[in-house]
Protein backbone atom coordinates (compact mmCIF):
# COMPACT_ATOMS: atom_id res chain seq x y z
CA ASN A 1 168.05 61.68 -11.65
CA ALA A 2 167.47 64.15 -8.85
CA CYS A 3 169.25 66.07 -6.11
CA TYR A 4 168.45 66.19 -2.40
CA LYS A 5 169.20 69.91 -2.05
CA ASP A 6 169.16 72.90 -4.37
CA THR A 7 172.69 73.68 -5.58
CA LYS A 8 174.23 75.27 -8.66
CA SER A 9 175.07 71.87 -10.16
CA CYS A 10 171.46 70.71 -9.65
CA LYS A 11 169.76 73.65 -11.35
CA ASP A 12 168.24 71.44 -14.07
CA LEU A 13 167.26 68.52 -11.81
CA VAL A 14 164.28 68.00 -9.54
CA ILE A 15 164.78 68.07 -5.78
CA LYS A 16 163.83 64.85 -3.95
CA THR A 17 164.07 64.37 -0.20
CA CYS A 18 162.81 61.84 2.30
CA ASP A 19 159.61 63.89 2.38
CA ASP A 20 158.92 62.57 -1.13
CA ALA A 21 159.09 58.92 -0.02
CA THR A 22 155.76 57.18 0.33
CA ARG A 23 154.64 53.71 1.34
CA THR A 24 154.89 52.60 -2.29
CA THR A 25 157.67 54.86 -3.62
CA GLY A 26 161.10 54.86 -2.03
CA VAL A 27 163.84 57.45 -2.18
CA ILE A 28 167.57 56.68 -2.08
CA ILE A 29 169.92 59.51 -1.17
CA PHE A 30 173.71 59.48 -1.47
CA LYS A 31 175.54 62.15 0.54
CA TYR A 32 179.24 62.92 0.67
CA SER A 33 180.39 62.94 4.29
CA ASN A 34 183.49 62.35 6.41
CA LYS A 35 181.37 59.94 8.45
CA THR A 36 180.21 56.61 7.01
CA LYS A 37 176.55 55.96 7.80
CA VAL A 38 173.52 54.13 6.40
CA SER A 39 170.04 55.00 7.65
CA LEU A 40 166.52 53.94 6.78
CA ASN A 41 163.53 56.13 7.59
CA GLY A 42 160.38 54.46 6.32
CA THR A 43 161.02 54.04 2.59
CA CYS A 44 163.86 56.58 2.48
CA LEU A 45 167.33 55.02 2.42
CA THR A 46 170.30 57.35 2.98
CA PHE A 47 173.94 56.44 2.38
CA GLU A 48 176.64 58.78 3.67
CA GLY A 49 180.37 58.50 3.18
CA ASP A 50 183.39 59.40 1.11
CA ASN A 51 183.72 58.62 -2.59
CA GLU A 52 185.08 55.11 -2.03
CA ASN A 53 182.34 54.11 0.41
CA LEU A 54 179.56 55.54 -1.76
CA ILE A 55 180.81 53.49 -4.72
CA LYS A 56 180.74 50.37 -2.53
CA TYR A 57 177.16 51.17 -1.49
CA VAL A 58 176.08 51.56 -5.13
CA ASP A 59 177.76 48.28 -6.08
CA LYS A 60 176.15 46.39 -3.19
CA LEU A 61 172.73 47.91 -3.89
CA THR A 62 173.00 47.04 -7.60
CA ILE A 63 174.02 43.46 -6.85
CA THR A 64 171.21 43.06 -4.30
CA ILE A 65 168.53 44.50 -6.58
CA ASN A 66 169.63 42.34 -9.49
CA GLY A 67 169.69 39.23 -7.29
CA LEU A 68 173.31 38.44 -8.04
């Protein structure tokens, strides 16, 4: 587990951003936002949206990774 920015609730977690993504190691970021958006920058995948949309993204990603 990691956070994408330094906040009080992330004090015990490492910070990971798209800068940490490499050709062989991807980073997936989930951000709360009023705007629904998915973006891919190299091997950094960012999902933005409200709680309901972020849950849908996680479900779809899990199903896709597991080949279901």
